[in-house]
Structure formats: structure tokens, C-alpha cells
């Protein structure tokens, strides 16, 4: 009778199986690295393709605009987007500078500012009748229109701006200053690599695509317009705009600017004709 086979010890099992385990582990590691490399390459290709689209769709040229003299000072302005970050700064600074301000807002409760020269109008920028009534009797319009529906396909920026432009042409309100952003048209890439490769492609593609439509609508209008393209916005104190023009920003480092500085620069465009018909970049 044969003696029963002695069971192998745990050490023997591990020694005989370890090469297979190691091979499987190395294969899994290689596959993970390949998958990660592929994802990174796809992200880069997608970011580049999006940048090309934003460059082609956004504004890349300067429009020559002749200024029509009104014969009276510009004192009454309508602010669109007054409850947003830049809009609040515009509101406060415009009142400080002596302008008579009207603000079109969806929720007046979000606006805590009170001033004898401020009129708050309850309305929606997507409703033309609301916009038309707000524009009536104004000398100029400043728009800091924005929203936070980043992952929804919307045309809030472009359709809202379309209503503003139409109302301005109806009531012969000539001067329009509008905030968009660096990163579109001939400013593609100028917010730095972090935004160009990650933030804009992954979080803001739909938002920026609508900004390109917004800019084209403005450029096609018959108004005296200036598009202001700020760098990454912050809530810092006003320190002044250090760089402004069509080639500001950085292709490598993230560039920033305080909303207060953007507001000051936009208000200056009401009486300064240097950048008429231009999408001008601003950064610290």
C-alpha cells in the first residue's frame, strides 16, 4: 500500500506560483500604464482640437468703427449681469464715478446695493421684451453676463447678447462693452497650460463655445463695441491692469486679474475709443 502523498508546504506553493503571479502583476501594470498613456494622449488631442475650434470660431480680426457724435455726455448706462462677480464690481464703481445706473437682473434680492442713482429692473436677458424695456433711454450698455451651467448645452450668453444688440439698435444706443474671456479667437492658449489642457477642455468647453457665438454676434453688429477678454478672474483688490491688448497672457503660466480691475477697465471703454472694434485681452 502506497504511503499518502505529503501535502506541499505553504512556502513550496508560494515559490512555485510566484513567477506566474509576478508575470500577471507586471502585465497588469503594463496595461495600466498603456491605458493611462492613451488617455493622456487622447486628452491632449481633444484639447488641441477644441483649441483649434475656439480659435476659428472666435473673433480674430479688428473691425474699423466710425464713432457717431451724440452731442451730449454719456451718463446713463445699463449693466447686464449685475449680480455676478464682475457685474457687482461694475455696479459699485459706475455709481462711484457718477453714472446713472440701471441694472437688469433676474433676482433683485441678490442685489443688496442701494443708491439714489441706481434703478434695478426685474427681468430676464433671454426675454426680448424685458431687455428692450431696460435698454430704452440709456446711453450705453455694459455686459458681464455669465452663468454656472457649465455642463449643459445652452445659448444663454449668445442669445442674451443677441437680445441686447437688437434692443440697442432699435433704440439707437451706440456704445456696448462686453466681457468674454481669454482663450478664444486669437487669444487661444493665452490662459496658460493648466487652463488650456485641463480646465477649458474638461469643464468649460460648452461655456467657451457659446462665448465664440457671443463674440461673432457683437462683431457683426453696427454698434460701437469693445470686447474685453480677462484672464482668470479673482476676487482680489484692485491693483490696476498691467497688460492690455490683443497679445496678452501666457501660453505656459496661468494668468490672473481681479474682477475689480476688469470692471475699471470696462468702464474706461465707455469714453475711450482706442479699442473700438477690438477684442482686447487684460491681465495683471
Foldseek 3Di string as FASTA:
>chain_A
DDDDDDDDDPVVVCVVCVVVVVVVVVVVVVVVVVVVVVVLVVLQVLLVVLLVVQQVLADADFDDADDDDPPDDAAEEEEEPLLDQLNVLLVVVSVVVRHQYEYEDQDCVSDPDDDPSYHYQHDALLDLVSLLVRLAPHQEYEYPDDDQPQPDQDLRLLNSLLSNLVSCVVRVNAEYEYEDAQCGHLRNLQQADCCSRPVCSPGHSSVSSSSSSNNVSVLPGNGFYEYEHEFAEDQDDDDEWPDKASHDGHNHHGFYHYSNNVSVVRVVVVPDSPRGRHHMYTTD
